[in-house]
Amino acid sequence: MSVVHQEREGIQARLASLTEREQQVLSGVVAGRLNKQIASEMGIAERTVKIHRGRVMAKMAAASLAELVRLCERVGR
């Protein structure tokens, strides 16, 4: 198995560990939306978006927003 394939599988596994809400927040973040915009679209408080976003960053092991976006791009998300 190639290194690239193993890396993609690892990213996919981390994505699979996200809850549905966390996946929704991730989609908004990757699309470049602000927390306020994501909150409005989802009908939740901005603080709740911040909590979900923090959990996404931790579960995806991303140190920055740019790294999170790169991880998603590697698996075509």
PDB file of N, CA and C in Angstrom:
ATOM      1  N   MET A   1       0.849  -1.183   0.000  1.00  0.00           N
ATOM      2  CA  MET A   1       0.000   0.000   0.000  1.00  0.00           C
ATOM      3  C   MET A   1       0.892   1.244   0.000  1.00  0.00           C
ATOM      4  N   SER A   2       0.577   2.193  -0.862  1.00  0.00           N
ATOM      5  CA  SER A   2       1.416   3.382  -0.969  1.00  0.00           C
ATOM      6  C   SER A   2       1.193   4.333   0.208  1.00  0.00           C
ATOM      7  N   VAL A   3       2.157   5.185   0.409  1.00  0.00           N
ATOM      8  CA  VAL A   3       2.085   6.168   1.499  1.00  0.00           C
ATOM      9  C   VAL A   3       0.898   7.101   1.290  1.00  0.00           C
ATOM     10  N   VAL A   4       0.693   7.507   0.033  1.00  0.00           N
ATOM     11  CA  VAL A   4      -0.414   8.423  -0.280  1.00  0.00           C
ATOM     12  C   VAL A   4      -1.749   7.744   0.033  1.00  0.00           C
ATOM     13  N   HIS A   5      -1.862   6.484  -0.329  1.00  0.00           N
ATOM     14  CA  HIS A   5      -3.100   5.749  -0.071  1.00  0.00           C
ATOM     15  C   HIS A   5      -3.348   5.622   1.435  1.00  0.00           C
ATOM     16  N   GLN A   6      -2.306   5.330   2.194  1.00  0.00           N
ATOM     17  CA  GLN A   6      -2.435   5.225   3.649  1.00  0.00           C
ATOM     18  C   GLN A   6      -2.854   6.559   4.247  1.00  0.00           C
ATOM     19  N   GLU A   7      -2.262   7.640   3.734  1.00  0.00           N
ATOM     20  CA  GLU A   7      -2.606   8.974   4.237  1.00  0.00           C
ATOM     21  C   GLU A   7      -4.081   9.283   3.972  1.00  0.00           C
ATOM     22  N   ARG A   8      -4.543   8.980   2.767  1.00  0.00           N
ATOM     23  CA  ARG A   8      -5.953   9.227   2.430  1.00  0.00           C
ATOM     24  C   ARG A   8      -6.879   8.410   3.311  1.00  0.00           C
ATOM     25  N   GLU A   9      -6.529   7.163   3.562  1.00  0.00           N
ATOM     26  CA  GLU A   9      -7.353   6.325   4.433  1.00  0.00           C
ATOM     27  C   GLU A   9      -7.414   6.894   5.848  1.00  0.00           C
ATOM     28  N   GLY A  10      -6.279   7.423   6.323  1.00  0.00           N
ATOM     29  CA  GLY A  10      -6.250   8.035   7.646  1.00  0.00           C
ATOM     30  C   GLY A  10      -7.151   9.255   7.721  1.00  0.00           C
ATOM     31  N   ILE A  11      -7.101  10.078   6.683  1.00  0.00           N
ATOM     32  CA  ILE A  11      -7.954  11.279   6.632  1.00  0.00           C
ATOM     33  C   ILE A  11      -9.421  10.865   6.577  1.00  0.00           C
ATOM     34  N   GLN A  12      -9.730   9.851   5.741  1.00  0.00           N
ATOM     35  CA  GLN A  12     -11.116   9.367   5.639  1.00  0.00           C
ATOM     36  C   GLN A  12     -11.615   8.852   6.987  1.00  0.00           C
ATOM     37  N   ALA A  13     -10.755   8.146   7.710  1.00  0.00           N
ATOM     38  CA  ALA A  13     -11.140   7.625   9.020  1.00  0.00           C
ATOM     39  C   ALA A  13     -11.440   8.766   9.986  1.00  0.00           C
ATOM     40  N   ARG A  14     -10.615   9.806   9.949  1.00  0.00           N
ATOM     41  CA  ARG A  14     -10.869  10.957  10.829  1.00  0.00           C
ATOM     42  C   ARG A  14     -12.166  11.647  10.446  1.00  0.00           C
ATOM     43  N   LEU A  15     -12.428  11.781   9.133  1.00  0.00           N
ATOM     44  CA  LEU A  15     -13.688  12.390   8.692  1.00  0.00           C
ATOM     45  C   LEU A  15     -14.881  11.567   9.154  1.00  0.00           C
ATOM     46  N   ALA A  16     -14.737  10.252   9.111  1.00  0.00           N
ATOM     47  CA  ALA A  16     -15.826   9.362   9.528  1.00  0.00           C
ATOM     48  C   ALA A  16     -16.115   9.470  11.027  1.00  0.00           C
ATOM     49  N   SER A  17     -15.132   9.932  11.791  1.00  0.00           N
ATOM     50  CA  SER A  17     -15.327  10.064  13.242  1.00  0.00           C
ATOM     51  C   SER A  17     -16.134  11.314  13.615  1.00  0.00           C
ATOM     52  N   LEU A  18     -16.355  12.201  12.662  1.00  0.00           N
ATOM     53  CA  LEU A  18     -17.097  13.437  12.928  1.00  0.00           C
ATOM     54  C   LEU A  18     -18.593  13.158  13.010  1.00  0.00           C
ATOM     55  N   THR A  19     -19.259  13.877  13.908  1.00  0.00           N
ATOM     56  CA  THR A  19     -20.717  13.774  13.993  1.00  0.00           C
ATOM     57  C   THR A  19     -21.317  14.487  12.783  1.00  0.00           C
ATOM     58  N   GLU A  20     -22.602  14.300  12.585  1.00  0.00           N
ATOM     59  CA  GLU A  20     -23.283  14.954  11.460  1.00  0.00           C
ATOM     60  C   GLU A  20     -23.158  16.481  11.563  1.00  0.00           C
ATOM     61  N   ARG A  21     -23.360  17.021  12.767  1.00  0.00           N
ATOM     62  CA  ARG A  21     -23.245  18.471  12.972  1.00  0.00           C
ATOM     63  C   ARG A  21     -21.833  18.957  12.681  1.00  0.00           C
ATOM     64  N   GLU A  22     -20.844  18.202  13.146  1.00  0.00           N
ATOM     65  CA  GLU A  22     -19.451  18.577  12.905  1.00  0.00           C
ATOM     66  C   GLU A  22     -19.150  18.554  11.411  1.00  0.00           C
ATOM     67  N   GLN A  23     -19.719  17.601  10.686  1.00  0.00           N
ATOM     68  CA  GLN A  23     -19.531  17.544   9.246  1.00  0.00           C
ATOM     69  C   GLN A  23     -20.174  18.745   8.561  1.00  0.00           C
ATOM     70  N   GLN A  24     -21.333  19.163   9.053  1.00  0.00           N
ATOM     71  CA  GLN A  24     -21.998  20.340   8.497  1.00  0.00           C
ATOM     72  C   GLN A  24     -21.148  21.591   8.718  1.00  0.00           C
ATOM     73  N   VAL A  25     -20.609  21.727   9.918  1.00  0.00           N
ATOM     74  CA  VAL A  25     -19.748  22.874  10.225  1.00  0.00           C
ATOM     75  C   VAL A  25     -18.494  22.818   9.365  1.00  0.00           C
ATOM     76  N   LEU A  26     -17.908  21.633   9.222  1.00  0.00           N
ATOM     77  CA  LEU A  26     -16.718  21.468   8.391  1.00  0.00           C
ATOM     78  C   LEU A  26     -16.995  21.926   6.963  1.00  0.00           C
ATOM     79  N   SER A  27     -18.133  21.552   6.411  1.00  0.00           N
ATOM     80  CA  SER A  27     -18.480  21.966   5.051  1.00  0.00           C
ATOM     81  C   SER A  27     -18.528  23.482   4.930  1.00  0.00           C
ATOM     82  N   GLY A  28     -19.110  24.127   5.916  1.00  0.00           N
ATOM     83  CA  GLY A  28     -19.175  25.585   5.919  1.00  0.00           C
ATOM     84  C   GLY A  28     -17.804  26.222   6.025  1.00  0.00           C
ATOM     85  N   VAL A  29     -16.974  25.671   6.890  1.00  0.00           N
ATOM     86  CA  VAL A  29     -15.620  26.196   7.090  1.00  0.00           C
ATOM     87  C   VAL A  29     -14.802  26.056   5.813  1.00  0.00           C
ATOM     88  N   VAL A  30     -14.857  24.867   5.202  1.00  0.00           N
ATOM     89  CA  VAL A  30     -14.091  24.621   3.972  1.00  0.00           C
ATOM     90  C   VAL A  30     -14.585  25.516   2.833  1.00  0.00           C
ATOM     91  N   ALA A  31     -15.870  25.855   2.859  1.00  0.00           N
ATOM     92  CA  ALA A  31     -16.433  26.746   1.841  1.00  0.00           C
ATOM     93  C   ALA A  31     -16.054  28.203   2.078  1.00  0.00           C
ATOM     94  N   GLY A  32     -15.399  28.475   3.214  1.00  0.00           N
ATOM     95  CA  GLY A  32     -14.938  29.833   3.490  1.00  0.00           C
ATOM     96  C   GLY A  32     -15.922  30.713   4.230  1.00  0.00           C
ATOM     97  N   ARG A  33     -16.965  30.105   4.778  1.00  0.00           N
ATOM     98  CA  ARG A  33     -17.962  30.899   5.501  1.00  0.00           C
ATOM     99  C   ARG A  33     -17.474  31.244   6.908  1.00  0.00           C
ATOM    100  N   LEU A  34     -17.951  32.357   7.410  1.00  0.00           N
ATOM    101  CA  LEU A  34     -17.649  32.789   8.767  1.00  0.00           C
ATOM    102  C   LEU A  34     -18.523  32.020   9.751  1.00  0.00           C
ATOM    103  N   ASN A  35     -18.095  31.955  11.009  1.00  0.00           N
ATOM    104  CA  ASN A  35     -18.880  31.270  12.044  1.00  0.00           C
ATOM    105  C   ASN A  35     -20.299  31.818  12.097  1.00  0.00           C
ATOM    106  N   LYS A  36     -20.428  33.131  11.984  1.00  0.00           N
ATOM    107  CA  LYS A  36     -21.739  33.784  12.044  1.00  0.00           C
ATOM    108  C   LYS A  36     -22.629  33.301  10.889  1.00  0.00           C
ATOM    109  N   GLN A  37     -22.049  33.163   9.698  1.00  0.00           N
ATOM    110  CA  GLN A  37     -22.812  32.705   8.537  1.00  0.00           C
ATOM    111  C   GLN A  37     -23.226  31.241   8.698  1.00  0.00           C
ATOM    112  N   ILE A  38     -22.315  30.422   9.180  1.00  0.00           N
ATOM    113  CA  ILE A  38     -22.618  29.004   9.401  1.00  0.00           C
ATOM    114  C   ILE A  38     -23.731  28.873  10.430  1.00  0.00           C
ATOM    115  N   ALA A  39     -23.637  29.632  11.505  1.00  0.00           N
ATOM    116  CA  ALA A  39     -24.651  29.596  12.563  1.00  0.00           C
ATOM    117  C   ALA A  39     -26.023  29.968  12.014  1.00  0.00           C
ATOM    118  N   SER A  40     -26.068  31.010  11.216  1.00  0.00           N
ATOM    119  CA  SER A  40     -27.328  31.460  10.633  1.00  0.00           C
ATOM    120  C   SER A  40     -27.922  30.388   9.720  1.00  0.00           C
ATOM    121  N   GLU A  41     -27.087  29.780   8.881  1.00  0.00           N
ATOM    122  CA  GLU A  41     -27.564  28.741   7.961  1.00  0.00           C
ATOM    123  C   GLU A  41     -28.075  27.512   8.697  1.00  0.00           C
ATOM    124  N   MET A  42     -27.421  27.177   9.808  1.00  0.00           N
ATOM    125  CA  MET A  42     -27.784  25.975  10.550  1.00  0.00           C
ATOM    126  C   MET A  42     -28.847  26.237  11.619  1.00  0.00           C
ATOM    127  N   GLY A  43     -29.110  27.501  11.904  1.00  0.00           N
ATOM    128  CA  GLY A  43     -30.099  27.845  12.922  1.00  0.00           C
ATOM    129  C   GLY A  43     -29.624  27.559  14.338  1.00  0.00           C
ATOM    130  N   ILE A  44     -28.314  27.753  14.557  1.00  0.00           N
ATOM    131  CA  ILE A  44     -27.733  27.535  15.879  1.00  0.00           C
ATOM    132  C   ILE A  44     -26.941  28.775  16.284  1.00  0.00           C
ATOM    133  N   ALA A  45     -26.516  28.824  17.537  1.00  0.00           N
ATOM    134  CA  ALA A  45     -25.755  29.966  18.038  1.00  0.00           C
ATOM    135  C   ALA A  45     -24.324  29.932  17.496  1.00  0.00           C
ATOM    136  N   GLU A  46     -23.755  31.113  17.338  1.00  0.00           N
ATOM    137  CA  GLU A  46     -22.375  31.222  16.858  1.00  0.00           C
ATOM    138  C   GLU A  46     -21.421  30.497  17.807  1.00  0.00           C
ATOM    139  N   ARG A  47     -21.688  30.569  19.093  1.00  0.00           N
ATOM    140  CA  ARG A  47     -20.841  29.882  20.085  1.00  0.00           C
ATOM    141  C   ARG A  47     -20.849  28.371  19.844  1.00  0.00           C
ATOM    142  N   THR A  48     -22.006  27.847  19.480  1.00  0.00           N
ATOM    143  CA  THR A  48     -22.115  26.414  19.199  1.00  0.00           C
ATOM    144  C   THR A  48     -21.264  26.044  17.986  1.00  0.00           C
ATOM    145  N   VAL A  49     -21.257  26.894  16.981  1.00  0.00           N
ATOM    146  CA  VAL A  49     -20.411  26.669  15.800  1.00  0.00           C
ATOM    147  C   VAL A  49     -18.947  26.637  16.220  1.00  0.00           C
ATOM    148  N   LYS A  50     -18.556  27.554  17.097  1.00  0.00           N
ATOM    149  CA  LYS A  50     -17.163  27.596  17.563  1.00  0.00           C
ATOM    150  C   LYS A  50     -16.789  26.304  18.284  1.00  0.00           C
ATOM    151  N   ILE A  51     -17.701  25.773  19.071  1.00  0.00           N
ATOM    152  CA  ILE A  51     -17.454  24.518  19.789  1.00  0.00           C
ATOM    153  C   ILE A  51     -17.283  23.375  18.789  1.00  0.00           C
ATOM    154  N   HIS A  52     -18.222  23.281  17.834  1.00  0.00           N
ATOM    155  CA  HIS A  52     -18.128  22.223  16.820  1.00  0.00           C
ATOM    156  C   HIS A  52     -16.841  22.357  16.004  1.00  0.00           C
ATOM    157  N   ARG A  53     -16.503  23.581  15.661  1.00  0.00           N
ATOM    158  CA  ARG A  53     -15.295  23.826  14.871  1.00  0.00           C
ATOM    159  C   ARG A  53     -14.040  23.387  15.627  1.00  0.00           C
ATOM    160  N   GLY A  54     -14.005  23.663  16.921  1.00  0.00           N
ATOM    161  CA  GLY A  54     -12.883  23.225  17.751  1.00  0.00           C
ATOM    162  C   GLY A  54     -12.773  21.721  17.807  1.00  0.00           C
ATOM    163  N   ARG A  55     -13.915  21.046  17.897  1.00  0.00           N
ATOM    164  CA  ARG A  55     -13.915  19.581  17.917  1.00  0.00           C
ATOM    165  C   ARG A  55     -13.459  19.012  16.577  1.00  0.00           C
ATOM    166  N   VAL A  56     -13.874  19.659  15.494  1.00  0.00           N
ATOM    167  CA  VAL A  56     -13.450  19.233  14.156  1.00  0.00           C
ATOM    168  C   VAL A  56     -11.932  19.357  14.034  1.00  0.00           C
ATOM    169  N   MET A  57     -11.396  20.485  14.472  1.00  0.00           N
ATOM    170  CA  MET A  57      -9.943  20.704  14.394  1.00  0.00           C
ATOM    171  C   MET A  57      -9.203  19.629  15.189  1.00  0.00           C
ATOM    172  N   ALA A  58      -9.721  19.304  16.371  1.00  0.00           N
ATOM    173  CA  ALA A  58      -9.067  18.301  17.215  1.00  0.00           C
ATOM    174  C   ALA A  58      -9.157  16.906  16.596  1.00  0.00           C
ATOM    175  N   LYS A  59     -10.349  16.509  16.163  1.00  0.00           N
ATOM    176  CA  LYS A  59     -10.534  15.176  15.595  1.00  0.00           C
ATOM    177  C   LYS A  59      -9.758  14.997  14.289  1.00  0.00           C
ATOM    178  N   MET A  60      -9.634  16.072  13.522  1.00  0.00           N
ATOM    179  CA  MET A  60      -8.913  15.996  12.250  1.00  0.00           C
ATOM    180  C   MET A  60      -7.409  16.194  12.449  1.00  0.00           C
ATOM    181  N   ALA A  61      -6.995  16.521  13.670  1.00  0.00           N
ATOM    182  CA  ALA A  61      -5.578  16.749  13.993  1.00  0.00           C
ATOM    183  C   ALA A  61      -4.982  17.840  13.116  1.00  0.00           C
ATOM    184  N   ALA A  62      -5.752  18.907  12.935  1.00  0.00           N
ATOM    185  CA  ALA A  62      -5.310  20.040  12.119  1.00  0.00           C
ATOM    186  C   ALA A  62      -4.893  21.186  13.040  1.00  0.00           C
ATOM    187  N   ALA A  63      -3.703  21.702  12.814  1.00  0.00           N
ATOM    188  CA  ALA A  63      -3.186  22.783  13.648  1.00  0.00           C
ATOM    189  C   ALA A  63      -3.707  24.147  13.212  1.00  0.00           C
ATOM    190  N   SER A  64      -4.192  24.240  11.965  1.00  0.00           N
ATOM    191  CA  SER A  64      -4.673  25.511  11.447  1.00  0.00           C
ATOM    192  C   SER A  64      -5.820  25.277  10.470  1.00  0.00           C
ATOM    193  N   LEU A  65      -6.535  26.335  10.168  1.00  0.00           N
ATOM    194  CA  LEU A  65      -7.624  26.256   9.204  1.00  0.00           C
ATOM    195  C   LEU A  65      -7.091  25.849   7.832  1.00  0.00           C
ATOM    196  N   ALA A  66      -5.937  26.396   7.458  1.00  0.00           N
ATOM    197  CA  ALA A  66      -5.328  26.054   6.164  1.00  0.00           C
ATOM    198  C   ALA A  66      -5.020  24.563   6.082  1.00  0.00           C
ATOM    199  N   GLU A  67      -4.520  23.996   7.167  1.00  0.00           N
ATOM    200  CA  GLU A  67      -4.212  22.563   7.189  1.00  0.00           C
ATOM    201  C   GLU A  67      -5.494  21.742   7.078  1.00  0.00           C
ATOM    202  N   LEU A  68      -6.545  22.185   7.736  1.00  0.00           N
ATOM    203  CA  LEU A  68      -7.832  21.497   7.675  1.00  0.00           C
ATOM    204  C   LEU A  68      -8.343  21.467   6.236  1.00  0.00           C
ATOM    205  N   VAL A  69      -8.257  22.589   5.557  1.00  0.00           N
ATOM    206  CA  VAL A  69      -8.707  22.678   4.153  1.00  0.00           C
ATOM    207  C   VAL A  69      -7.855  21.757   3.285  1.00  0.00           C
ATOM    208  N   ARG A  70      -6.536  21.744   3.494  1.00  0.00           N
ATOM    209  CA  ARG A  70      -5.661  20.857   2.706  1.00  0.00           C
ATOM    210  C   ARG A  70      -6.017  19.383   2.918  1.00  0.00           C
ATOM    211  N   LEU A  71      -6.308  19.004   4.163  1.00  0.00           N
ATOM    212  CA  LEU A  71      -6.692  17.622   4.438  1.00  0.00           C
ATOM    213  C   LEU A  71      -7.950  17.246   3.656  1.00  0.00           C
ATOM    214  N   CYS A  72      -8.921  18.141   3.633  1.00  0.00           N
ATOM    215  CA  CYS A  72     -10.157  17.886   2.924  1.00  0.00           C
ATOM    216  C   CYS A  72      -9.932  17.814   1.415  1.00  0.00           C
ATOM    217  N   GLU A  73      -9.057  18.659   0.909  1.00  0.00           N
ATOM    218  CA  GLU A  73      -8.747  18.641  -0.529  1.00  0.00           C
ATOM    219  C   GLU A  73      -8.081  17.333  -0.934  1.00  0.00           C
ATOM    220  N   ARG A  74      -7.263  16.775  -0.059  1.00  0.00           N
ATOM    221  CA  ARG A  74      -6.563  15.518  -0.374  1.00  0.00           C
ATOM    222  C   ARG A  74      -7.512  14.359  -0.603  1.00  0.00           C
ATOM    223  N   VAL A  75      -8.682  14.430   0.011  1.00  0.00           N
ATOM    224  CA  VAL A  75      -9.650  13.344  -0.165  1.00  0.00           C
ATOM    225  C   VAL A  75     -10.851  13.785  -1.016  1.00  0.00           C
ATOM    226  N   GLY A  76     -10.707  14.929  -1.655  1.00  0.00           N
ATOM    227  CA  GLY A  76     -11.755  15.400  -2.565  1.00  0.00           C
ATOM    228  C   GLY A  76     -13.024  15.872  -1.906  1.00  0.00           C
ATOM    229  N   ARG A  77     -12.877  16.444  -0.737  1.00  0.00           N
ATOM    230  CA  ARG A  77     -14.059  16.920  -0.002  1.00  0.00           C
ATOM    231  C   ARG A  77     -14.141  18.408  -0.042  1.00  0.00           C
TER     232      ARG A  77
END
